[in-house]
Every structure is written in structure tokens, then in C-alpha cells.
Protein backbone atom coordinates (compact mmCIF):
# COMPACT_ATOMS: atom_id res chain seq x y z
CA UNK A 1 -9.31 25.93 -18.22
CA UNK A 2 -10.50 22.47 -17.13
CA UNK A 3 -14.15 21.09 -17.45
CA UNK A 4 -15.79 19.82 -14.28
CA UNK A 5 -15.36 16.16 -15.47
CA UNK A 6 -11.64 16.86 -16.01
CA UNK A 7 -11.27 18.56 -12.69
CA UNK A 8 -12.77 15.45 -11.06
CA UNK A 9 -10.53 13.19 -12.89
CA UNK A 10 -7.45 15.21 -11.76
CA UNK A 11 -8.71 15.22 -8.19
CA UNK A 12 -8.25 11.48 -8.25
CA UNK A 13 -4.65 11.89 -9.07
CA UNK A 14 -4.00 14.35 -6.18
CA UNK A 15 -3.40 11.85 -3.27
CA UNK A 16 -0.79 9.82 -5.05
CA UNK A 17 0.70 13.04 -6.54
CA UNK A 18 0.80 14.80 -3.16
CA UNK A 19 2.35 11.45 -1.60
CA UNK A 20 3.76 13.38 1.31
CA UNK A 21 1.07 12.05 3.68
CA UNK A 22 -0.31 8.60 3.29
CA UNK A 23 -4.02 8.79 2.39
CA UNK A 24 -5.55 5.31 2.11
CA UNK A 25 -9.20 6.13 2.10
CA UNK A 26 -11.06 8.14 -0.41
CA UNK A 27 -12.94 10.15 2.02
CA UNK A 28 -10.02 12.44 2.94
CA UNK A 29 -9.10 13.46 -0.48
CA UNK A 30 -11.31 16.45 -1.02
CA UNK A 31 -10.49 17.74 2.48
CA UNK A 32 -6.76 17.45 1.66
CA UNK A 33 -7.17 19.36 -1.51
CA UNK A 34 -9.29 22.03 0.34
CA UNK A 35 -6.70 22.51 2.87
CA UNK A 36 -3.74 22.93 0.44
CA UNK A 37 -3.13 25.79 -2.05
CA UNK A 38 -0.76 23.67 -4.31
CA UNK A 39 -3.05 20.79 -4.34
CA UNK A 40 -6.00 23.22 -5.36
CA UNK A 41 -4.08 24.57 -8.19
CA UNK A 42 -3.20 21.03 -9.64
CA UNK A 43 -6.91 20.30 -10.59
CA UNK A 44 -7.67 24.00 -11.15
CA UNK A 45 -9.77 24.82 -8.16
CA UNK A 46 -9.64 28.60 -6.96
CA UNK A 47 -9.34 29.69 -3.31
CA UNK A 48 -12.95 30.73 -3.52
CA UNK A 49 -14.23 27.53 -5.03
CA UNK A 50 -15.69 24.43 -3.05
CA UNK A 51 -13.91 21.08 -3.75
CA UNK A 52 -16.40 18.33 -4.41
CA UNK A 53 -17.55 15.76 -1.89
CA UNK A 54 -15.83 12.38 -1.49
CA UNK A 55 -19.05 10.66 -2.98
CA UNK A 56 -18.68 12.72 -6.03
CA UNK A 57 -15.29 11.72 -6.61
CA UNK A 58 -16.07 7.96 -6.06
CA UNK A 59 -18.92 8.15 -8.37
CA UNK A 60 -16.98 9.88 -11.01
CA UNK A 61 -14.39 7.20 -10.91
CA UNK A 62 -17.15 4.51 -11.34
CA UNK A 63 -18.70 6.45 -14.35
CA UNK A 64 -15.32 6.84 -16.21
CA UNK A 65 -14.47 3.59 -18.07
CA UNK A 66 -11.47 1.56 -17.42
CA UNK A 67 -10.30 2.43 -20.93
CA UNK A 68 -10.28 6.07 -20.03
CA UNK A 69 -8.13 5.66 -16.98
CA UNK A 70 -5.70 3.51 -19.17
CA UNK A 71 -5.65 6.41 -21.68
CA UNK A 72 -4.63 8.83 -18.94
CA UNK A 73 -1.91 6.58 -17.85
CA UNK A 74 -0.67 6.14 -21.23
CA UNK A 75 -0.91 9.86 -21.94
CA UNK A 76 1.41 10.53 -18.86
CA UNK A 77 3.80 7.78 -20.12
CA UNK A 78 3.78 9.58 -23.61
CA UNK A 79 4.87 12.72 -21.70
CA UNK A 80 7.82 10.92 -20.13
CA UNK A 81 8.67 9.56 -23.70
CA UNK A 82 8.61 13.08 -25.01
CA UNK A 83 11.18 14.16 -22.30
CA UNK A 84 13.48 11.03 -23.13
CA UNK A 85 12.82 9.47 -19.67
CA UNK A 86 11.67 6.17 -20.73
CA UNK A 87 12.73 3.61 -23.47
CA UNK A 88 10.61 0.45 -22.80
CA UNK A 89 13.22 -2.00 -24.14
CA UNK A 90 14.08 -3.86 -20.79
CA UNK A 91 11.36 -4.41 -18.24
CA UNK A 92 11.25 -5.90 -14.62
CA UNK A 93 8.21 -7.53 -13.20
CA UNK A 94 7.32 -8.13 -9.62
CA UNK A 95 3.93 -8.76 -7.74
CA UNK A 96 2.63 -7.84 -4.35
CA UNK A 97 -0.52 -8.55 -2.40
CA UNK A 98 -3.18 -5.85 -1.49
CA UNK A 99 -5.43 -6.48 1.41
CA UNK A 100 -9.16 -6.38 0.20
CA UNK A 101 -11.75 -4.42 1.70
CA UNK A 102 -13.61 -7.60 2.96
CA UNK A 103 -13.50 -9.78 6.19
CA UNK A 104 -12.96 -13.38 6.29
CA UNK A 105 -15.61 -13.81 8.95
CA UNK A 106 -18.27 -12.91 6.36
CA UNK A 107 -17.33 -15.27 3.70
CA UNK A 108 -20.02 -17.75 2.46
CA UNK A 109 -19.95 -21.11 0.72
CA UNK A 110 -20.39 -21.02 -3.09
CA UNK A 111 -22.75 -23.88 -3.13
CA UNK A 112 -25.18 -23.21 -0.38
CA UNK A 113 -24.51 -19.77 0.73
CA UNK A 114 -23.73 -20.73 4.47
CA UNK A 115 -21.59 -18.54 6.50
CA UNK A 116 -17.95 -19.60 7.77
CA UNK A 117 -19.28 -19.75 11.22
CA UNK A 118 -22.14 -22.10 10.38
CA UNK A 119 -20.26 -25.31 10.61
CA UNK A 120 -22.88 -27.03 12.85
CA UNK A 121 -24.18 -29.03 10.02
CA UNK A 122 -20.70 -30.25 9.13
CA UNK A 123 -20.10 -31.33 12.59
CA UNK A 124 -23.27 -33.07 12.76
CA UNK A 125 -22.29 -34.96 9.45
CA UNK A 126 -19.11 -36.05 11.01
CA UNK A 127 -20.85 -37.77 13.99
CA UNK A 128 -21.24 -34.94 16.64
CA UNK A 129 -24.92 -34.90 17.49
CA UNK A 130 -25.25 -31.70 19.48
CA UNK A 131 -21.92 -29.99 19.27
CA UNK A 132 -21.01 -27.41 21.79
CA UNK A 133 -18.94 -24.25 20.96
CA UNK A 134 -15.70 -25.83 22.19
CA UNK A 135 -16.37 -28.84 20.09
CA UNK A 136 -17.15 -26.82 16.95
CA UNK A 137 -13.94 -24.89 17.43
CA UNK A 138 -11.83 -28.10 17.90
CA UNK A 139 -13.57 -29.51 14.70
CA UNK A 140 -12.97 -26.51 12.78
CA UNK A 141 -9.29 -26.50 13.72
CA UNK A 142 -8.86 -30.05 12.46
CA UNK A 143 -10.81 -29.63 9.31
CA UNK A 144 -8.57 -29.59 6.14
CA UNK A 145 -8.98 -27.12 3.30
CA UNK A 146 -11.36 -24.98 5.23
CA UNK A 147 -10.12 -21.81 3.35
CA UNK A 148 -10.25 -23.04 -0.18
CA UNK A 149 -11.13 -20.38 -2.83
CA UNK A 150 -13.09 -23.09 -4.80
CA UNK A 151 -15.50 -23.35 -1.89
CA UNK A 152 -15.61 -20.00 -0.43
CA UNK A 153 -16.39 -16.53 -1.63
CA UNK A 154 -17.25 -13.02 -0.27
CA UNK A 155 -20.88 -11.86 -1.06
CA UNK A 156 -19.81 -8.33 -1.65
CA UNK A 157 -16.35 -8.48 -3.16
CA UNK A 158 -16.42 -11.86 -5.07
CA UNK A 159 -13.08 -10.86 -6.88
CA UNK A 160 -11.18 -11.13 -3.59
CA UNK A 161 -9.44 -14.31 -2.90
CA UNK A 162 -8.22 -16.00 0.38
CA UNK A 163 -4.30 -15.89 0.55
CA UNK A 164 -1.36 -15.48 2.71
CA UNK A 165 0.01 -12.01 2.87
CA UNK A 166 3.65 -10.89 2.85
CA UNK A 167 3.64 -10.79 6.65
CA UNK A 168 2.33 -14.45 7.11
CA UNK A 169 -1.29 -13.38 7.86
CA UNK A 170 -4.20 -14.82 5.93
CA UNK A 171 -6.66 -12.30 4.29
CA UNK A 172 -9.00 -11.67 1.44
CA UNK A 173 -6.66 -10.01 -1.06
CA UNK A 174 -5.96 -8.91 -4.47
CA UNK A 175 -2.52 -9.34 -6.43
CA UNK A 176 -0.95 -6.40 -8.18
CA UNK A 177 1.82 -6.86 -10.62
CA UNK A 178 4.06 -4.14 -11.94
CA UNK A 179 6.09 -3.79 -15.30
CA UNK A 180 8.94 -1.36 -14.56
CA UNK A 181 11.13 0.29 -17.13
CA UNK A 182 14.69 -0.62 -15.97
CA UNK A 183 16.25 2.54 -17.70
CA UNK A 184 14.20 5.05 -15.68
CA UNK A 185 12.11 3.24 -13.05
CA UNK A 186 8.96 4.33 -14.77
CA UNK A 187 5.87 2.01 -14.64
CA UNK A 188 4.90 0.76 -17.90
CA UNK A 189 1.98 -1.29 -16.82
CA UNK A 190 0.18 -2.28 -13.56
CA UNK A 191 -2.15 -5.18 -13.79
CA UNK A 192 -4.56 -6.50 -11.00
CA UNK A 193 -4.62 -10.30 -10.71
CA UNK A 194 -6.69 -12.77 -8.43
CA UNK A 195 -4.56 -13.18 -5.40
CA UNK A 196 -4.62 -16.90 -5.69
CA UNK A 197 -2.94 -16.80 -9.16
CA UNK A 198 0.60 -17.77 -9.17
CA UNK A 199 3.65 -15.96 -10.57
CA UNK A 200 4.11 -18.46 -13.30
CA UNK A 201 0.46 -17.73 -14.42
CA UNK A 202 0.37 -14.03 -14.19
CA UNK A 203 4.08 -13.83 -15.70
CA UNK A 204 2.73 -14.06 -19.19
CA UNK A 205 -0.23 -11.59 -18.82
CA UNK A 206 1.72 -8.67 -17.39
CA UNK A 207 4.51 -8.70 -20.17
CA UNK A 208 1.82 -8.80 -22.87
CA UNK A 209 -0.05 -6.03 -21.30
CA UNK A 210 3.17 -3.95 -21.19
CA UNK A 211 3.97 -5.01 -24.89
CA UNK A 212 0.62 -3.38 -25.83
CA UNK A 213 1.46 -0.25 -23.69
CA UNK A 214 4.73 0.30 -25.33
CA UNK A 215 3.12 -0.13 -28.76
CA UNK A 216 0.35 2.39 -27.95
CA UNK A 217 2.71 4.97 -26.62
CA UNK A 218 5.08 4.56 -29.52
CA UNK A 219 7.90 3.13 -27.62
CA UNK A 220 10.31 0.48 -28.86
CA UNK A 221 9.14 -3.06 -28.20
CA UNK A 222 10.30 -5.01 -25.08
CA UNK A 223 13.43 -7.01 -25.79
CA UNK A 224 14.46 -8.09 -22.23
CA UNK A 225 12.54 -9.51 -19.23
CA UNK A 226 13.90 -9.63 -15.71
CA UNK A 227 12.13 -11.49 -12.90
CA UNK A 228 12.93 -13.49 -9.73
CA UNK A 229 12.85 -17.16 -9.48
CA UNK A 230 9.05 -17.29 -8.75
CA UNK A 231 8.38 -16.55 -12.37
CA UNK A 232 10.65 -19.55 -13.74
CA UNK A 233 8.72 -22.07 -15.45
CA UNK A 234 9.02 -23.86 -18.73
CA UNK A 235 5.53 -22.29 -20.15
CA UNK A 236 6.90 -18.75 -19.39
CA UNK A 237 10.40 -19.28 -20.76
CA UNK A 238 9.09 -20.95 -23.86
CA UNK A 239 6.41 -18.42 -24.62
CA UNK A 240 8.56 -15.25 -24.05
CA UNK A 241 11.39 -16.70 -25.99
CA UNK A 242 9.09 -17.38 -28.90
CA UNK A 243 8.27 -13.72 -28.92
CA UNK A 244 11.88 -12.81 -29.40
CA UNK A 245 12.43 -11.70 -25.66
CA UNK A 246 15.65 -12.32 -24.00
CA UNK A 247 14.77 -13.51 -20.38
CA UNK A 248 16.78 -12.95 -17.10
CA UNK A 249 14.72 -15.02 -14.71
CA UNK A 250 16.63 -16.54 -11.73
CA UNK A 251 16.37 -20.37 -11.71
CA UNK A 252 15.42 -22.25 -8.47
CA UNK A 253 17.48 -25.29 -7.43
CA UNK A 254 15.69 -28.31 -9.27
CA UNK A 255 16.74 -31.95 -9.74
CA UNK A 256 17.85 -33.37 -13.07
CA UNK A 257 15.25 -32.78 -15.86
CA UNK A 258 14.60 -34.84 -18.84
CA UNK A 259 14.05 -33.21 -22.21
CA UNK A 260 12.91 -35.96 -24.44
CA UNK A 261 10.45 -34.38 -26.83
CA UNK A 262 10.82 -30.93 -25.23
CA UNK A 263 13.44 -29.42 -27.47
CA UNK A 264 12.03 -25.80 -27.60
CA UNK A 265 11.61 -25.79 -23.89
CA UNK A 266 15.22 -26.99 -23.36
CA UNK A 267 16.66 -24.27 -25.68
CA UNK A 268 14.82 -21.57 -23.79
CA UNK A 269 15.77 -22.86 -20.37
CA UNK A 270 19.36 -23.34 -21.38
CA UNK A 271 19.51 -19.92 -23.12
CA UNK A 272 18.13 -18.40 -19.85
CA UNK A 273 20.65 -20.14 -17.80
CA UNK A 274 23.41 -18.94 -19.84
CA UNK A 275 22.53 -15.26 -19.62
CA UNK A 276 22.21 -15.88 -15.91
CA UNK A 277 25.88 -16.61 -15.66
CA UNK A 278 26.98 -13.51 -17.67
CA UNK A 279 28.19 -10.28 -16.25
CA UNK A 280 25.08 -8.33 -17.29
CA UNK A 281 22.56 -10.38 -15.01
CA UNK A 282 24.01 -9.19 -11.72
CA UNK A 283 23.36 -5.52 -12.46
CA UNK A 284 20.00 -6.25 -14.09
CA UNK A 285 18.95 -8.13 -10.92
CA UNK A 286 20.01 -5.43 -8.61
CA UNK A 287 18.07 -2.76 -10.88
CA UNK A 288 15.02 -4.99 -10.66
CA UNK A 289 15.18 -5.30 -6.86
CA UNK A 290 15.60 -1.55 -6.53
CA UNK A 291 13.02 -0.33 -8.91
CA UNK A 292 10.22 -2.69 -8.42
CA UNK A 293 10.51 -2.34 -4.56
CA UNK A 294 10.53 1.49 -5.07
CA UNK A 295 7.44 1.44 -7.18
CA UNK A 296 5.69 -0.79 -4.52
CA UNK A 297 6.82 1.45 -1.67
CA UNK A 298 5.41 4.59 -3.32
CA UNK A 299 2.13 3.17 -4.43
CA UNK A 300 1.16 0.91 -1.51
CA UNK A 301 3.21 2.13 1.48
CA UNK A 302 3.58 5.95 0.98
CA UNK A 303 0.56 6.07 -1.21
CA UNK A 304 -1.53 4.23 1.37
CA UNK A 305 -2.89 1.54 -0.92
CA UNK A 306 -1.63 -1.62 1.05
CA UNK A 307 -5.14 -2.02 2.15
CA UNK A 308 -7.70 -1.00 -0.68
CA UNK A 309 -10.94 0.59 0.32
CA UNK A 310 -12.68 -0.30 -3.10
CA UNK A 311 -14.56 -3.29 -4.11
CA UNK A 312 -14.51 -4.84 -7.80
CA UNK A 313 -11.60 -5.68 -9.71
CA UNK A 314 -12.23 -2.90 -12.39
CA UNK A 315 -12.70 -0.26 -9.70
CA UNK A 316 -9.58 -1.11 -8.07
CA UNK A 317 -7.75 -1.29 -11.39
CA UNK A 318 -8.92 2.20 -12.06
CA UNK A 319 -7.39 3.45 -8.89
CA UNK A 320 -4.15 1.54 -9.49
CA UNK A 321 -3.82 3.20 -13.14
CA UNK A 322 -4.26 6.62 -11.63
CA UNK A 323 -1.80 5.87 -8.76
CA UNK A 324 0.65 4.57 -11.26
CA UNK A 325 0.16 7.61 -13.50
CA UNK A 326 0.87 10.04 -10.58
CA UNK A 327 4.11 7.97 -9.73
CA UNK A 328 5.23 8.53 -13.50
CA UNK A 329 4.18 12.24 -13.13
CA UNK A 330 6.54 12.34 -10.02
CA UNK A 331 9.40 11.13 -12.09
CA UNK A 332 9.01 13.94 -14.68
CA UNK A 333 8.80 16.54 -11.80
CA UNK A 334 12.04 15.25 -10.28
CA UNK A 335 13.78 15.22 -13.47
CA UNK A 336 12.74 18.90 -14.33
CA UNK A 337 12.50 20.36 -10.99
CA UNK A 338 14.49 18.32 -8.57
CA UNK A 339 11.45 17.44 -6.45
CA UNK A 340 8.41 15.11 -6.95
CA UNK A 341 5.84 16.45 -4.46
CA UNK A 342 4.42 19.58 -3.35
CA UNK A 343 5.82 19.25 0.18
CA UNK A 344 9.08 18.53 -1.49
CA UNK A 345 9.03 21.68 -3.38
CA UNK A 346 8.21 23.58 -0.34
CA UNK A 347 11.24 22.11 1.50
CA UNK A 348 13.44 23.07 -1.40
CA UNK A 349 12.13 26.71 -1.26
CA UNK A 350 12.96 26.71 2.58
CA UNK A 351 16.35 25.33 2.02
CA UNK A 352 17.11 28.01 -0.74
CA UNK A 353 15.95 30.72 1.42
CA UNK A 354 18.57 29.50 4.27
CA UNK A 355 21.31 29.50 1.65
CA UNK A 356 22.33 33.19 2.38
CA UNK A 357 22.36 32.47 6.13
CA UNK A 358 24.33 29.34 5.78
CA UNK A 359 26.93 30.99 3.51
CA UNK A 360 27.03 34.08 5.88
CA UNK A 361 27.88 31.79 8.92
CA UNK A 362 31.60 30.86 8.10
CA UNK A 363 32.20 34.36 6.63
CA UNK A 364 30.58 36.03 9.64
CA UNK A 365 32.87 34.02 11.96
CA UNK A 366 35.91 34.92 9.83
CA UNK A 367 34.86 38.64 9.78
CA UNK A 368 34.49 38.79 13.54
CA UNK A 369 37.87 37.18 14.13
CA UNK A 370 39.51 39.74 11.67
CA UNK A 371 37.90 42.60 13.30
CA UNK A 372 39.15 41.34 16.67
CA UNK A 373 42.69 40.86 15.53
CA UNK A 374 42.72 44.26 13.80
CA UNK A 375 41.62 46.16 16.84
CA UNK A 376 44.25 44.35 18.77
CA UNK A 377 46.94 45.44 16.35
CA UNK A 378 45.75 48.86 15.98
CA UNK A 379 45.79 49.24 19.74
CA UNK A 380 49.31 48.10 20.12
CA UNK A 381 50.46 50.22 17.12
CA UNK A 382 48.96 53.35 18.43
CA UNK A 383 50.52 52.85 22.02
CA UNK A 384 53.89 52.40 20.50
CA UNK A 385 53.89 55.15 18.17
CA UNK A 386 52.56 57.90 20.42
CA UNK A 387 55.30 59.98 22.22
CA UNK A 388 55.70 59.59 25.85
CA UNK A 389 54.79 62.43 28.24
CA UNK A 390 57.75 64.91 29.14
CA UNK A 391 59.34 64.49 32.32
CA UNK A 392 60.97 67.72 33.37
CA UNK A 393 63.96 67.66 36.03
CA UNK A 394 63.45 69.31 39.25
CA UNK A 395 65.11 72.73 39.47
CA UNK A 396 66.56 74.16 42.43
CA UNK A 397 66.59 77.89 42.96
CA UNK A 398 70.05 78.82 43.86
CA UNK A 399 69.18 82.31 44.67
CA UNK A 400 66.72 81.42 47.31
CA UNK A 401 67.48 82.60 50.62
CA UNK A 402 66.84 79.37 52.19
CA UNK A 403 68.69 77.44 49.64
CA UNK A 404 65.39 75.42 48.77
């Protein structure tokens, strides 16, 4: 039996484990568990027990340390290792942006605390004595670097950064980066970075975190790193090569480079370029695109975390670790049972229940055809084999007086 605290921790894993219906906010989680018998069984709540309120779940997540959430994530990864589903030698990294729970219209200046809409002082300093609303809008449109993260911040979520999303919109956001095991598709690490940090900056932190995770779980150390061309830089290649990791990082088109005094960087760049021309690179890059996009889709699209409803980097990191642990748990369920969600198991049961009916359909049609033909043959046989009725000749009575 689980304790109350363990049940609350498992309750945080229910929405990503159930992943049949996207649940973005925390508020519907207890209602979802109370409404489903299979989800009640996962954290250990009986049919006669009330599930906790959403505020209890949120408070429990805040009280548990980040190290506790990371321990749960590594424990699930150890279960996958015990079943031979993860190796950890070859990893692929990729990043995506998550829309923060903060609005651009409420950002303030870091130095004075003025809001973004309070630009009257800036307009007056530019020579507009009494600016109208139209003049302020025109002035703000022409002003350069008006969304700089060095000048602006959000008062309630200072970890959020102004950035351009994947669809081209500008929002306050966070950056989530995955390290995926290429052999199985399991998540070895998920790290939350500032949204304005480039791939060449975070490309060193995430593999290092994945290396610590593999060592803690008891997996083999990382020996190969796969990434797209956004991670290609001299610092990343040199640092990763110094750790004995072979890189398969796509190289963007650049001009002629000069290597005077950069012997170690030149060796790392040329070794990476040579591996890119080999036959192994094409298969690895295809696996990177498939597995990294799959984990992003499960966690943020199906899992409903493309827009986070939490604030604070540590709080969001806790939710990401639990979401990633549930993703790995689904891999184990698919390998052992063929399905990864309770709804998928229910659909499999329904499909198995229809197997006799589906098998009977062709045999039933054959049976009806054979019965119809047998009846036809039997009717024809009985008609030909039965004797015809006797036809007696008409006798004339010769002794009749009338001769009839």
C-alpha cells in the first residue's frame, strides 16, 4: 500500500500516463482520476475514496524537492534498464519552446519598474511634448530593441524570456531540451533552459546532464552525440571531443575558415565532417528526427504542456521530469503489453472481444453458401431417385352390352 505522500506523487504522473486526452492545466487532474477506474488504481485510490483537490496536488509538488522528482525519473529509467529497453550509448538532443504562464503586456523594465505601455516618458525624451495615443503607437513601432530581455522582465515569472515561438509569434517562453536514447527512444534527460539561450550554449549542458543520469542509473557512458546544425559550433565540438564522445552534428554552410592556432578545434571539426559523410550518419539523423519529435509530441502536444500553467523554473522542471518519467513508463507498458495508455488497453480489449465475431464472418458466409448448395443438390437428387407415379392403361369392357 502507498502512503498518502506517495499517492500524491503518483497522482502527478497520472495525466501524462493517461495521455489519451490532453490535459494542460493542473485543475482537471483530480477530476480525471476520480472519473476513471483505471486511473484510480494507478495511485492506489479505491472506489470509495475521494481524490485530493488540485490545490493539494500543486502544493505537494512544490513541497517535494527537485532532487526527489529527479530520483523518481531515474528510478523509472532503471526499470527500463532492468528490462533491457535502454542502453544510453548513443543519444540525440533537440530543443523546443514552451509558452510561459505570463503575458507580454504585463512586463516591466528591470531598472525603473515601468510597464511596457508606459512609454510616455520615452516619447517626451525623444522630443514629443504631449504625445497622443496614435503618436505613442507610431513611436513605439519605430523604436528598436523594444523587447530586449536585458531591459524587460516579468514581475511574477522572472525566469520567462521574450522569444520567438516555432509558429513565428513572440511570447514569454521557456526552452525545454531533450536527450533521447537512440536505441529505444527513451528520455535520458530533460532540461529546462532560458528561452533566449542558443543551442550552442545549451548543447553542452544537456549532454553533461545525460552523462550524470546514465552514471547514476548504471548505464554505459555516452559515446555518440547526434544533433542538428543549430548545435554546430567550435566550442561544442571541441568540448565534446575532449570527453571522448563522437559527434554527428550537421554542419551549416560557412565560408573558408582559418585554423591558425586552433589545432584541437580543427581536428574536432574535421572528424565530425568525416563522420557526416559516412553511411552511418544518414540512419542516425533519421532516428534523431523521429525520436526527438516523438518525445516532443507526447510531452507537449498530446501531454498538453506546450503552454505551461506553472511559474518558476524549478516548478516547471519538476513537472517536466514527471512527464518524462511517465513517457518512459509508457514505453515499458508498450513493450510488455502492446499498449501504453489505459484507453489503449481498453481498445485492445474491445478488439480482442470482436475477434470471434470477425473470424466467424467469413466462415459464416461459407457455411450459408454450403448449406444452400447442399439443399439444392439434395432436392435434385430426391426428385430424380423417387419412382414416377403409375399410369394405368384404360381398359375397355368387351362384355358390355353397349360396347363401352
